[in-house]
Amino acid sequence: MSARQRIDVVVPAHDEEDRIADCLDAVLVAAERLRAERPDVAVGVTVVLDGCTDDTARITREYPVEVLETPRVGVGRARSLGVARALQHAPQQDPGTRWLAHTDADSRVGPGWLVQQADALAAGVHVLVGAVVPDPDDLDPVVLARWTTAHPPGAALGHVHGANLGVLATAYVALGGFDPVPEHEDVRLVERARALGLRVDATTELPVVTSGRFDGRTPGGYAEHLRRSYGDAS
């Protein structure tokens, strides 16, 4: 018999050997919290190795997660392939009780992150847009101060990040999934959801800590946003 509800975490990864272990450690801690607080919710984790040329694959395979290895296809296509693989598990599960939680390989979710996603599922949310914060250890103090000044409480609302995004499986299918684009696949999905009148909730609670590097894996992703918005420390 299938669980009454199920959450699948999908993580695309391209050459993240320095960060994938921290990412998966955090996801598995969140999964343990979910099992403890919501024992009726099943959870799975799928990592898409998107054309990795470093040690990311070896490190990932040391974890109890589903691994899908692909040639370099870009983050939009990688997320889609990860979802397709995740949905192959428990195919008898009612899709209206399935939730897709998305984060990135350079990011660390909080211990309560999957409980937050489960609460959104239970509340009838179609899409949950979460906040991200840059890892302060990655930023020069001057750059960090600029970011902090620009982000008073609530300032992250309105931004969409694939590193902290949840989608009801039926809504995901209705929206046509992620576009096979090299960036902004997350933004485009949420725009379609809002255009169709789906319930899109946004929260700044439990933000995901993501890399504060300026040299990212997508040309217009979060790293480029940090670089353009807050510059270097000079």
Protein backbone atom coordinates (compact mmCIF):
# COMPACT_ATOMS: atom_id res chain seq x y z
CA MET A 1 0.00 0.00 0.00
CA SER A 2 1.32 3.43 -0.87
CA ALA A 3 1.79 6.17 1.67
CA ARG A 4 -1.05 8.66 1.95
CA GLN A 5 1.27 11.41 0.75
CA ARG A 6 4.71 11.49 -0.84
CA ILE A 7 7.38 14.16 -1.34
CA ASP A 8 10.17 13.74 -3.86
CA VAL A 9 13.22 16.00 -3.64
CA VAL A 10 14.92 16.71 -6.98
CA VAL A 11 18.47 18.08 -7.06
CA PRO A 12 20.28 18.93 -10.33
CA ALA A 13 24.07 18.93 -10.01
CA HIS A 14 26.79 20.03 -12.41
CA ASP A 15 30.39 19.84 -11.14
CA GLU A 16 29.59 20.45 -7.48
CA GLU A 17 32.19 18.20 -5.84
CA ASP A 18 32.91 20.82 -3.18
CA ARG A 19 29.28 21.31 -2.16
CA ILE A 20 27.21 18.24 -2.99
CA ALA A 21 28.01 16.48 0.30
CA ASP A 22 26.78 19.43 2.37
CA CYS A 23 23.68 19.62 0.19
CA LEU A 24 22.79 15.95 0.60
CA ASP A 25 23.64 15.89 4.29
CA ALA A 26 21.15 18.71 4.80
CA VAL A 27 18.45 17.09 2.65
CA LEU A 28 18.75 13.81 4.54
CA VAL A 29 18.51 15.59 7.90
CA ALA A 30 15.32 17.25 6.62
CA ALA A 31 14.03 13.84 5.50
CA GLU A 32 14.62 12.42 8.98
CA ARG A 33 12.73 15.34 10.53
CA LEU A 34 9.88 14.74 8.09
CA ARG A 35 9.70 11.05 9.00
CA ALA A 36 9.63 11.93 12.69
CA GLU A 37 6.98 14.65 12.46
CA ARG A 38 4.90 13.39 9.51
CA PRO A 39 5.25 9.58 9.54
CA ASP A 40 2.42 9.25 7.02
CA VAL A 41 4.46 11.13 4.37
CA ALA A 42 6.93 9.11 2.27
CA VAL A 43 10.03 10.82 0.94
CA GLY A 44 12.49 10.17 -1.88
CA VAL A 45 15.55 12.02 -3.15
CA THR A 46 16.69 12.10 -6.78
CA VAL A 47 19.97 13.70 -7.86
CA VAL A 48 20.53 14.45 -11.55
CA LEU A 49 24.23 14.43 -12.44
CA ASP A 50 24.15 16.89 -15.32
CA GLY A 51 27.27 16.24 -17.37
CA CYS A 52 29.56 16.17 -14.34
CA THR A 53 33.29 16.01 -15.09
CA ASP A 54 34.60 16.20 -11.53
CA ASP A 55 34.08 14.02 -8.43
CA THR A 56 30.41 14.89 -7.94
CA ALA A 57 29.18 11.50 -9.18
CA ARG A 58 31.39 9.48 -6.85
CA ILE A 59 30.42 11.54 -3.82
CA THR A 60 26.72 11.40 -4.67
CA ARG A 61 26.74 7.63 -5.01
CA GLU A 62 27.88 7.35 -1.40
CA TYR A 63 24.44 8.58 -0.31
CA PRO A 64 21.12 6.69 -0.14
CA VAL A 65 19.59 8.64 -3.01
CA GLU A 66 18.37 7.90 -6.51
CA VAL A 67 21.02 8.90 -9.07
CA LEU A 68 20.35 9.81 -12.68
CA GLU A 69 23.39 10.56 -14.84
CA THR A 70 22.97 12.53 -18.06
CA PRO A 71 25.14 14.33 -20.60
CA ARG A 72 25.20 18.09 -20.09
CA VAL A 73 21.62 19.16 -20.71
CA GLY A 74 21.30 22.32 -18.59
CA VAL A 75 19.35 22.96 -15.44
CA GLY A 76 15.86 23.17 -16.95
CA ARG A 77 16.11 19.83 -18.68
CA ALA A 78 17.93 18.29 -15.71
CA ARG A 79 15.12 19.25 -13.34
CA SER A 80 12.55 17.77 -15.75
CA LEU A 81 14.45 14.51 -16.07
CA GLY A 82 14.77 14.33 -12.29
CA VAL A 83 11.04 14.78 -11.84
CA ALA A 84 10.29 12.12 -14.46
CA ARG A 85 12.56 9.66 -12.66
CA ALA A 86 11.08 10.51 -9.26
CA LEU A 87 7.53 10.00 -10.48
CA GLN A 88 8.43 6.50 -11.62
CA HIS A 89 8.57 5.53 -7.97
CA ALA A 90 5.28 4.59 -6.30
CA PRO A 91 3.36 4.96 -9.59
CA GLN A 92 0.17 3.85 -7.83
CA GLN A 93 0.33 6.96 -5.65
CA ASP A 94 -2.52 9.40 -6.22
CA PRO A 95 -0.79 12.30 -8.05
CA GLY A 96 -2.92 14.72 -6.07
CA THR A 97 -1.04 13.61 -2.95
CA ARG A 98 2.44 13.91 -4.45
CA TRP A 99 4.71 16.90 -4.01
CA LEU A 100 7.94 17.84 -5.80
CA ALA A 101 10.47 19.73 -3.67
CA HIS A 102 13.33 21.37 -5.54
CA THR A 103 16.72 22.55 -4.38
CA ASP A 104 20.20 22.91 -5.86
CA ALA A 105 23.47 21.07 -5.33
CA ASP A 106 25.22 24.20 -4.04
CA SER A 107 22.55 24.79 -1.41
CA ARG A 108 21.69 23.64 2.12
CA VAL A 109 18.09 23.27 3.22
CA GLY A 110 17.12 23.65 6.86
CA PRO A 111 16.06 20.73 9.06
CA GLY A 112 12.40 21.78 8.88
CA TRP A 113 12.34 22.36 5.13
CA LEU A 114 10.51 19.18 4.15
CA VAL A 115 8.00 19.61 6.96
CA GLN A 116 7.31 23.06 5.50
CA GLN A 117 6.80 21.45 2.08
CA ALA A 118 4.48 18.83 3.59
CA ASP A 119 2.44 21.56 5.27
CA ALA A 120 2.02 23.29 1.90
CA LEU A 121 0.82 20.03 0.35
CA ALA A 122 -1.66 19.49 3.17
CA ALA A 123 -2.92 23.07 2.86
CA GLY A 124 -3.83 22.70 -0.82
CA VAL A 125 -1.03 24.88 -2.19
CA HIS A 126 -0.12 24.33 -5.84
CA VAL A 127 3.29 26.05 -5.80
CA LEU A 128 5.39 27.15 -2.83
CA VAL A 129 8.02 29.79 -3.56
CA GLY A 130 10.68 29.86 -0.84
CA ALA A 131 13.49 32.27 -0.08
CA VAL A 132 17.24 31.79 -0.37
CA VAL A 133 20.11 33.54 1.36
CA PRO A 134 23.75 33.53 0.28
CA ASP A 135 26.22 31.60 2.39
CA PRO A 136 27.93 34.34 4.42
CA ASP A 137 31.16 32.35 4.45
CA ASP A 138 31.38 32.87 0.69
CA LEU A 139 31.08 36.66 0.77
CA ASP A 140 33.52 39.38 1.62
CA PRO A 141 32.18 41.32 4.66
CA VAL A 142 31.61 44.42 2.50
CA VAL A 143 29.54 42.46 -0.01
CA LEU A 144 27.64 40.69 2.78
CA ALA A 145 26.82 44.06 4.35
CA ARG A 146 25.44 45.31 1.03
CA TRP A 147 23.25 42.22 0.70
CA THR A 148 22.00 42.47 4.29
CA THR A 149 21.09 46.14 3.89
CA ALA A 150 19.12 45.33 0.74
CA HIS A 151 17.21 42.47 2.40
CA PRO A 152 15.18 43.62 5.38
CA PRO A 153 12.51 41.13 6.56
CA GLY A 154 10.18 40.21 3.70
CA ALA A 155 12.40 41.62 0.97
CA ALA A 156 12.86 38.22 -0.67
CA LEU A 157 9.16 37.90 -1.47
CA GLY A 158 8.57 38.13 -5.21
CA HIS A 159 11.78 36.34 -6.15
CA VAL A 160 11.73 32.77 -7.47
CA HIS A 161 14.59 30.37 -6.83
CA GLY A 162 14.88 26.77 -7.97
CA ALA A 163 16.92 26.16 -4.83
CA ASN A 164 13.73 26.53 -2.77
CA LEU A 165 10.65 25.63 -4.73
CA GLY A 166 7.80 23.17 -4.20
CA VAL A 167 5.15 22.07 -6.70
CA LEU A 168 2.13 19.79 -6.44
CA ALA A 169 2.67 16.97 -8.93
CA THR A 170 -0.69 17.48 -10.66
CA ALA A 171 0.04 21.18 -11.01
CA TYR A 172 3.50 20.43 -12.41
CA VAL A 173 1.98 18.22 -15.11
CA ALA A 174 -0.74 20.76 -15.90
CA LEU A 175 1.92 23.47 -16.28
CA GLY A 176 3.92 21.37 -18.73
CA GLY A 177 6.87 20.97 -16.39
CA PHE A 178 10.08 22.94 -16.54
CA ASP A 179 11.10 24.44 -19.85
CA PRO A 180 14.32 22.95 -21.29
CA VAL A 181 16.22 26.21 -20.92
CA PRO A 182 19.67 26.95 -19.43
CA GLU A 183 18.26 29.32 -16.80
CA HIS A 184 15.03 30.82 -15.37
CA GLU A 185 13.11 27.56 -15.78
CA ASP A 186 11.89 28.12 -12.21
CA VAL A 187 10.66 31.65 -12.91
CA ARG A 188 8.85 30.58 -16.07
CA LEU A 189 7.04 27.74 -14.29
CA VAL A 190 5.82 30.06 -11.53
CA GLU A 191 4.73 32.69 -14.06
CA ARG A 192 2.56 30.09 -15.81
CA ALA A 193 1.10 28.97 -12.49
CA ARG A 194 0.08 32.51 -11.60
CA ALA A 195 -1.31 33.12 -15.10
CA LEU A 196 -3.54 30.05 -14.72
CA GLY A 197 -4.80 31.19 -11.35
CA LEU A 198 -3.21 28.39 -9.38
CA ARG A 199 -2.53 28.91 -5.70
CA VAL A 200 1.04 30.19 -5.43
CA ASP A 201 2.20 30.85 -1.88
CA ALA A 202 5.47 32.61 -1.02
CA THR A 203 7.36 32.45 2.24
CA THR A 204 10.56 33.82 3.72
CA GLU A 205 10.48 31.30 6.57
CA LEU A 206 13.18 28.61 6.50
CA PRO A 207 15.27 30.14 3.71
CA VAL A 208 17.70 27.86 1.92
CA VAL A 209 21.38 28.77 2.22
CA THR A 210 22.93 28.80 -1.24
CA SER A 211 26.40 29.45 -2.56
CA GLY A 212 27.54 33.06 -2.45
CA ARG A 213 29.97 32.60 -5.31
CA PHE A 214 29.95 35.01 -8.24
CA ASP A 215 30.90 32.34 -10.79
CA GLY A 216 27.85 30.11 -11.10
CA ARG A 217 26.73 27.15 -13.17
CA THR A 218 24.14 29.06 -15.21
CA PRO A 219 24.85 32.35 -17.00
CA GLY A 220 21.99 34.29 -15.41
CA GLY A 221 21.47 32.40 -12.17
CA TYR A 222 21.84 33.37 -8.53
CA ALA A 223 25.61 33.82 -8.77
CA GLU A 224 25.24 36.35 -11.57
CA HIS A 225 22.48 38.10 -9.61
CA LEU A 226 24.82 38.48 -6.63
CA ARG A 227 27.67 39.74 -8.80
CA ARG A 228 25.56 42.30 -10.64
CA SER A 229 23.63 43.47 -7.60
CA TYR A 230 26.34 43.62 -4.95
CA GLY A 231 29.60 43.57 -6.88
CA ASP A 232 32.98 42.87 -5.37
CA ALA A 233 34.42 44.33 -2.21
CA SER A 234 36.31 47.18 -3.93
